[in-house]
């Protein structure tokens, strides 16, 4: 799934919201990107909606640099903890940051009727930064404390892609974070190499 604002597209194909947050890092798959990807106008708000943390149409006027700083700090902590899990290392001091953020209550939700009478999800109150951080932090805690899920963590094999994803494929043979993006890049590169070898 892709959500975009302006010239920025967020991908949500990691299999967990916490891994999708890690994938917002500048080095994830945006070679040459300058600056903080979440800091642009509307970018964090778009990511929050795309990740399913807030329903589409939710007013997010309070999102500012303080929100961005909180999500960047959480992203860095999760990235370090996931790297430690992949490499078989003990968790570092980032664990305290994660646990502190996970202690807070996540956003309250309720079912409401839309204009067609269909039940849709809505937040009980205006979205608060700490509650949304808690939702992502809790997802990371769930992932890192579940041995089965942790064993399915993989790094994308695509060139210039540093994304981590959850491999839920049959046979656990998934090689890329996205077959349509990194997988397609690999197929195109392979085709070009074969064409160059024959010419």
C-alpha atoms as a PDB file:
ATOM      1  CA  UNK A   1       0.000   0.000   0.000  1.00  0.00           C
ATOM      2  CA  UNK A   2       1.250   3.496  -0.856  1.00  0.00           C
ATOM      3  CA  UNK A   3       0.130   6.839   0.531  1.00  0.00           C
ATOM      4  CA  UNK A   4       1.526  10.103  -0.724  1.00  0.00           C
ATOM      5  CA  UNK A   5       1.522  13.816  -0.218  1.00  0.00           C
ATOM      6  CA  UNK A   6       3.090  16.109  -2.758  1.00  0.00           C
ATOM      7  CA  UNK A   7       6.110  14.335  -4.198  1.00  0.00           C
ATOM      8  CA  UNK A   8       6.497  11.992  -1.227  1.00  0.00           C
ATOM      9  CA  UNK A   9       5.131   8.463  -1.228  1.00  0.00           C
ATOM     10  CA  UNK A  10       5.030   6.276   1.852  1.00  0.00           C
ATOM     11  CA  UNK A  11       4.992   2.518   1.413  1.00  0.00           C
ATOM     12  CA  UNK A  12       3.309   0.236   3.920  1.00  0.00           C
ATOM     13  CA  UNK A  13       4.543  -3.219   2.951  1.00  0.00           C
ATOM     14  CA  UNK A  14       6.715  -4.185   5.930  1.00  0.00           C
ATOM     15  CA  UNK A  15       3.992  -6.214   7.620  1.00  0.00           C
ATOM     16  CA  UNK A  16       3.991  -4.231  10.894  1.00  0.00           C
ATOM     17  CA  UNK A  17       3.327  -0.580  11.647  1.00  0.00           C
ATOM     18  CA  UNK A  18       6.544  -0.334  13.708  1.00  0.00           C
ATOM     19  CA  UNK A  19       8.589  -1.600  10.724  1.00  0.00           C
ATOM     20  CA  UNK A  20       6.764   0.829   8.437  1.00  0.00           C
ATOM     21  CA  UNK A  21       7.912   3.613  10.769  1.00  0.00           C
ATOM     22  CA  UNK A  22      11.519   2.351  10.561  1.00  0.00           C
ATOM     23  CA  UNK A  23      11.139   2.462   6.761  1.00  0.00           C
ATOM     24  CA  UNK A  24      10.607   6.240   6.910  1.00  0.00           C
ATOM     25  CA  UNK A  25      14.311   6.739   7.688  1.00  0.00           C
ATOM     26  CA  UNK A  26      16.288   8.696   5.083  1.00  0.00           C
ATOM     27  CA  UNK A  27      18.514   5.692   4.311  1.00  0.00           C
ATOM     28  CA  UNK A  28      15.694   3.122   4.023  1.00  0.00           C
ATOM     29  CA  UNK A  29      15.339   3.197   0.226  1.00  0.00           C
ATOM     30  CA  UNK A  30      15.738   6.793  -0.786  1.00  0.00           C
ATOM     31  CA  UNK A  31      19.367   7.095  -1.830  1.00  0.00           C
ATOM     32  CA  UNK A  32      20.407  10.719  -1.960  1.00  0.00           C
ATOM     33  CA  UNK A  33      17.503  11.978   0.155  1.00  0.00           C
ATOM     34  CA  UNK A  34      18.496  15.013   2.174  1.00  0.00           C
ATOM     35  CA  UNK A  35      16.938  15.918   5.481  1.00  0.00           C
ATOM     36  CA  UNK A  36      14.306  14.207   7.580  1.00  0.00           C
ATOM     37  CA  UNK A  37      11.592  12.576   5.439  1.00  0.00           C
ATOM     38  CA  UNK A  38       8.924  12.954   8.148  1.00  0.00           C
ATOM     39  CA  UNK A  39       9.568  16.694   8.571  1.00  0.00           C
ATOM     40  CA  UNK A  40       8.070  18.018   5.331  1.00  0.00           C
ATOM     41  CA  UNK A  41       4.670  19.736   5.334  1.00  0.00           C
ATOM     42  CA  UNK A  42       1.962  17.152   5.897  1.00  0.00           C
ATOM     43  CA  UNK A  43       4.334  14.180   5.638  1.00  0.00           C
ATOM     44  CA  UNK A  44       3.938  12.819   9.166  1.00  0.00           C
ATOM     45  CA  UNK A  45       0.175  13.375   9.038  1.00  0.00           C
ATOM     46  CA  UNK A  46       0.008  11.468   5.743  1.00  0.00           C
ATOM     47  CA  UNK A  47       2.086   8.649   7.224  1.00  0.00           C
ATOM     48  CA  UNK A  48      -0.185   8.427  10.289  1.00  0.00           C
ATOM     49  CA  UNK A  49      -3.244   8.043   8.064  1.00  0.00           C
ATOM     50  CA  UNK A  50      -1.530   5.632   5.659  1.00  0.00           C
ATOM     51  CA  UNK A  51      -0.306   3.474   8.540  1.00  0.00           C
ATOM     52  CA  UNK A  52      -3.875   3.214   9.828  1.00  0.00           C
ATOM     53  CA  UNK A  53      -3.103   4.929  13.133  1.00  0.00           C
ATOM     54  CA  UNK A  54      -5.765   7.535  12.439  1.00  0.00           C
ATOM     55  CA  UNK A  55      -8.770   7.153  10.149  1.00  0.00           C
ATOM     56  CA  UNK A  56      -8.777   9.007   6.828  1.00  0.00           C
ATOM     57  CA  UNK A  57     -10.316  12.447   7.178  1.00  0.00           C
ATOM     58  CA  UNK A  58      -9.103  12.911  10.764  1.00  0.00           C
ATOM     59  CA  UNK A  59      -8.052  16.507  11.452  1.00  0.00           C
ATOM     60  CA  UNK A  60      -4.340  16.532  12.314  1.00  0.00           C
ATOM     61  CA  UNK A  61      -3.717  20.242  12.784  1.00  0.00           C
ATOM     62  CA  UNK A  62      -1.602  19.703  15.912  1.00  0.00           C
ATOM     63  CA  UNK A  63       1.141  17.815  14.053  1.00  0.00           C
ATOM     64  CA  UNK A  64       4.290  19.908  14.317  1.00  0.00           C
ATOM     65  CA  UNK A  65       8.059  19.632  14.840  1.00  0.00           C
ATOM     66  CA  UNK A  66       7.556  18.219  18.351  1.00  0.00           C
ATOM     67  CA  UNK A  67       5.485  15.378  16.889  1.00  0.00           C
ATOM     68  CA  UNK A  68       8.144  14.726  14.251  1.00  0.00           C
ATOM     69  CA  UNK A  69      10.897  14.644  16.910  1.00  0.00           C
ATOM     70  CA  UNK A  70       8.936  12.087  18.943  1.00  0.00           C
ATOM     71  CA  UNK A  71       8.387   9.781  15.974  1.00  0.00           C
ATOM     72  CA  UNK A  72      12.023  10.117  14.871  1.00  0.00           C
ATOM     73  CA  UNK A  73      13.206   9.170  18.376  1.00  0.00           C
ATOM     74  CA  UNK A  74      10.883   6.155  18.428  1.00  0.00           C
ATOM     75  CA  UNK A  75      11.965   5.180  14.904  1.00  0.00           C
ATOM     76  CA  UNK A  76      15.631   5.212  15.912  1.00  0.00           C
ATOM     77  CA  UNK A  77      14.949   3.102  19.003  1.00  0.00           C
ATOM     78  CA  UNK A  78      12.945   0.525  17.063  1.00  0.00           C
ATOM     79  CA  UNK A  79      15.556   0.390  14.289  1.00  0.00           C
ATOM     80  CA  UNK A  80      18.331  -0.330  16.811  1.00  0.00           C
ATOM     81  CA  UNK A  81      16.281  -3.000  18.581  1.00  0.00           C
ATOM     82  CA  UNK A  82      15.275  -4.691  15.325  1.00  0.00           C
ATOM     83  CA  UNK A  83      18.910  -4.675  14.158  1.00  0.00           C
ATOM     84  CA  UNK A  84      19.921  -6.285  17.454  1.00  0.00           C
ATOM     85  CA  UNK A  85      17.227  -8.959  17.005  1.00  0.00           C
ATOM     86  CA  UNK A  86      18.366  -9.687  13.440  1.00  0.00           C
ATOM     87  CA  UNK A  87      22.011  -9.930  14.514  1.00  0.00           C
ATOM     88  CA  UNK A  88      21.339 -11.959  17.654  1.00  0.00           C
ATOM     89  CA  UNK A  89      22.624  -9.209  19.949  1.00  0.00           C
ATOM     90  CA  UNK A  90      21.202  -8.136  23.284  1.00  0.00           C
ATOM     91  CA  UNK A  91      18.915  -5.112  23.288  1.00  0.00           C
ATOM     92  CA  UNK A  92      20.651  -1.835  24.080  1.00  0.00           C
ATOM     93  CA  UNK A  93      19.583   1.315  25.952  1.00  0.00           C
ATOM     94  CA  UNK A  94      16.939   1.961  23.273  1.00  0.00           C
ATOM     95  CA  UNK A  95      14.792  -0.584  25.075  1.00  0.00           C
ATOM     96  CA  UNK A  96      14.118   1.900  27.874  1.00  0.00           C
ATOM     97  CA  UNK A  97      12.874   4.509  25.392  1.00  0.00           C
ATOM     98  CA  UNK A  98      10.603   1.956  23.748  1.00  0.00           C
ATOM     99  CA  UNK A  99       9.214   0.751  27.066  1.00  0.00           C
ATOM    100  CA  UNK A 100       8.595   4.286  28.306  1.00  0.00           C
ATOM    101  CA  UNK A 101       6.602   5.133  25.190  1.00  0.00           C
ATOM    102  CA  UNK A 102       4.692   1.831  25.228  1.00  0.00           C
ATOM    103  CA  UNK A 103       3.431   2.494  28.775  1.00  0.00           C
ATOM    104  CA  UNK A 104       1.032   5.193  27.631  1.00  0.00           C
ATOM    105  CA  UNK A 105      -2.513   4.374  26.533  1.00  0.00           C
ATOM    106  CA  UNK A 106      -3.049   4.078  22.763  1.00  0.00           C
ATOM    107  CA  UNK A 107      -5.787   6.168  21.127  1.00  0.00           C
ATOM    108  CA  UNK A 108      -9.331   5.271  22.056  1.00  0.00           C
ATOM    109  CA  UNK A 109     -11.480   4.169  19.133  1.00  0.00           C
ATOM    110  CA  UNK A 110     -15.193   3.840  18.476  1.00  0.00           C
ATOM    111  CA  UNK A 111     -17.527   2.806  15.691  1.00  0.00           C
ATOM    112  CA  UNK A 112     -19.551   5.565  14.021  1.00  0.00           C
ATOM    113  CA  UNK A 113     -21.818   5.680  10.993  1.00  0.00           C
ATOM    114  CA  UNK A 114     -20.548   7.444   7.884  1.00  0.00           C
ATOM    115  CA  UNK A 115     -22.784   9.389   5.497  1.00  0.00           C
ATOM    116  CA  UNK A 116     -23.975   6.094   3.957  1.00  0.00           C
ATOM    117  CA  UNK A 117     -24.810   4.542   7.311  1.00  0.00           C
ATOM    118  CA  UNK A 118     -21.861   2.152   7.212  1.00  0.00           C
ATOM    119  CA  UNK A 119     -19.951   1.609  10.437  1.00  0.00           C
ATOM    120  CA  UNK A 120     -16.442   3.062  10.275  1.00  0.00           C
ATOM    121  CA  UNK A 121     -13.672   3.506  12.818  1.00  0.00           C
ATOM    122  CA  UNK A 122     -13.129   6.899  14.467  1.00  0.00           C
ATOM    123  CA  UNK A 123     -10.951   8.127  17.299  1.00  0.00           C
ATOM    124  CA  UNK A 124     -12.726   8.825  20.596  1.00  0.00           C
ATOM    125  CA  UNK A 125     -10.881  12.128  21.003  1.00  0.00           C
ATOM    126  CA  UNK A 126      -8.612  14.344  18.938  1.00  0.00           C
ATOM    127  CA  UNK A 127      -5.392  12.469  18.140  1.00  0.00           C
ATOM    128  CA  UNK A 128      -2.671  13.020  20.715  1.00  0.00           C
ATOM    129  CA  UNK A 129       1.009  12.542  19.934  1.00  0.00           C
ATOM    130  CA  UNK A 130       1.776  10.407  23.002  1.00  0.00           C
ATOM    131  CA  UNK A 131      -1.151   8.069  22.330  1.00  0.00           C
ATOM    132  CA  UNK A 132      -0.063   7.525  18.723  1.00  0.00           C
ATOM    133  CA  UNK A 133       3.542   6.968  19.815  1.00  0.00           C
ATOM    134  CA  UNK A 134       2.252   4.427  22.353  1.00  0.00           C
ATOM    135  CA  UNK A 135       0.383   2.543  19.622  1.00  0.00           C
ATOM    136  CA  UNK A 136       3.543   2.171  17.516  1.00  0.00           C
ATOM    137  CA  UNK A 137       5.730   1.377  20.535  1.00  0.00           C
ATOM    138  CA  UNK A 138       3.296  -1.341  21.662  1.00  0.00           C
ATOM    139  CA  UNK A 139       3.405  -2.862  18.184  1.00  0.00           C
ATOM    140  CA  UNK A 140       7.218  -2.970  18.444  1.00  0.00           C
ATOM    141  CA  UNK A 141       7.036  -4.571  21.894  1.00  0.00           C
ATOM    142  CA  UNK A 142       4.607  -7.189  20.545  1.00  0.00           C
ATOM    143  CA  UNK A 143       6.928  -7.924  17.612  1.00  0.00           C
ATOM    144  CA  UNK A 144      10.152  -8.092  19.617  1.00  0.00           C
ATOM    145  CA  UNK A 145       8.691 -10.299  22.359  1.00  0.00           C
ATOM    146  CA  UNK A 146       7.041 -12.789  19.990  1.00  0.00           C
ATOM    147  CA  UNK A 147       9.632 -15.461  19.053  1.00  0.00           C
ATOM    148  CA  UNK A 148       7.670 -16.557  15.968  1.00  0.00           C
ATOM    149  CA  UNK A 149       7.272 -13.035  14.601  1.00  0.00           C
ATOM    150  CA  UNK A 150      10.876 -12.159  15.485  1.00  0.00           C
ATOM    151  CA  UNK A 151      12.098 -15.206  13.533  1.00  0.00           C
ATOM    152  CA  UNK A 152      10.348 -13.836  10.436  1.00  0.00           C
ATOM    153  CA  UNK A 153      12.246 -10.535  10.396  1.00  0.00           C
ATOM    154  CA  UNK A 154      14.202 -10.099   7.155  1.00  0.00           C
ATOM    155  CA  UNK A 155      16.314  -7.421   5.508  1.00  0.00           C
ATOM    156  CA  UNK A 156      15.385  -6.602   1.934  1.00  0.00           C
ATOM    157  CA  UNK A 157      17.874  -7.983  -0.585  1.00  0.00           C
ATOM    158  CA  UNK A 158      17.206  -5.150  -3.021  1.00  0.00           C
ATOM    159  CA  UNK A 159      20.041  -2.887  -4.072  1.00  0.00           C
ATOM    160  CA  UNK A 160      20.066   0.388  -2.107  1.00  0.00           C
ATOM    161  CA  UNK A 161      17.203  -0.778   0.127  1.00  0.00           C
ATOM    162  CA  UNK A 162      17.703  -1.109   3.870  1.00  0.00           C
ATOM    163  CA  UNK A 163      14.103  -1.957   4.757  1.00  0.00           C
ATOM    164  CA  UNK A 164      13.225  -4.679   7.231  1.00  0.00           C
ATOM    165  CA  UNK A 165       9.999  -6.635   6.780  1.00  0.00           C
ATOM    166  CA  UNK A 166       8.104  -9.545   8.246  1.00  0.00           C
ATOM    167  CA  UNK A 167       8.292 -12.604   5.986  1.00  0.00           C
ATOM    168  CA  UNK A 168       4.904 -14.305   6.147  1.00  0.00           C
ATOM    169  CA  UNK A 169       5.257 -15.979   2.749  1.00  0.00           C
ATOM    170  CA  UNK A 170       4.757 -19.699   2.279  1.00  0.00           C
ATOM    171  CA  UNK A 171       8.116 -21.393   2.729  1.00  0.00           C
ATOM    172  CA  UNK A 172       9.639 -18.167   4.096  1.00  0.00           C
ATOM    173  CA  UNK A 173      11.330 -17.415   0.749  1.00  0.00           C
ATOM    174  CA  UNK A 174      10.437 -13.749   0.348  1.00  0.00           C
ATOM    175  CA  UNK A 175      13.544 -11.797  -0.677  1.00  0.00           C
ATOM    176  CA  UNK A 176      12.298  -8.233  -1.014  1.00  0.00           C
ATOM    177  CA  UNK A 177      10.280  -5.818   1.062  1.00  0.00           C
ATOM    178  CA  UNK A 178       8.103  -5.373  -2.031  1.00  0.00           C
ATOM    179  CA  UNK A 179       8.007  -7.565  -5.114  1.00  0.00           C
ATOM    180  CA  UNK A 180       6.527  -4.633  -7.058  1.00  0.00           C
ATOM    181  CA  UNK A 181       9.330  -2.234  -6.084  1.00  0.00           C
ATOM    182  CA  UNK A 182      12.597  -3.932  -5.115  1.00  0.00           C
ATOM    183  CA  UNK A 183      11.710  -7.216  -6.797  1.00  0.00           C
ATOM    184  CA  UNK A 184      10.877  -5.415 -10.018  1.00  0.00           C
ATOM    185  CA  UNK A 185      14.130  -3.409  -9.837  1.00  0.00           C
ATOM    186  CA  UNK A 186      16.054  -6.684  -9.511  1.00  0.00           C
ATOM    187  CA  UNK A 187      14.227  -8.242 -12.474  1.00  0.00           C
ATOM    188  CA  UNK A 188      14.906  -5.163 -14.621  1.00  0.00           C
ATOM    189  CA  UNK A 189      18.593  -5.164 -13.609  1.00  0.00           C
ATOM    190  CA  UNK A 190      18.869  -8.889 -14.377  1.00  0.00           C
ATOM    191  CA  UNK A 191      17.278  -8.331 -17.804  1.00  0.00           C
ATOM    192  CA  UNK A 192      19.716  -5.499 -18.552  1.00  0.00           C
ATOM    193  CA  UNK A 193      22.694  -7.626 -17.545  1.00  0.00           C
ATOM    194  CA  UNK A 194      21.548 -10.435 -19.837  1.00  0.00           C
ATOM    195  CA  UNK A 195      20.938  -7.994 -22.690  1.00  0.00           C
ATOM    196  CA  UNK A 196      24.387  -6.437 -22.197  1.00  0.00           C
ATOM    197  CA  UNK A 197      26.025  -9.890 -22.150  1.00  0.00           C
ATOM    198  CA  UNK A 198      24.409 -10.793 -25.493  1.00  0.00           C
ATOM    199  CA  UNK A 199      25.292  -7.542 -27.222  1.00  0.00           C
END
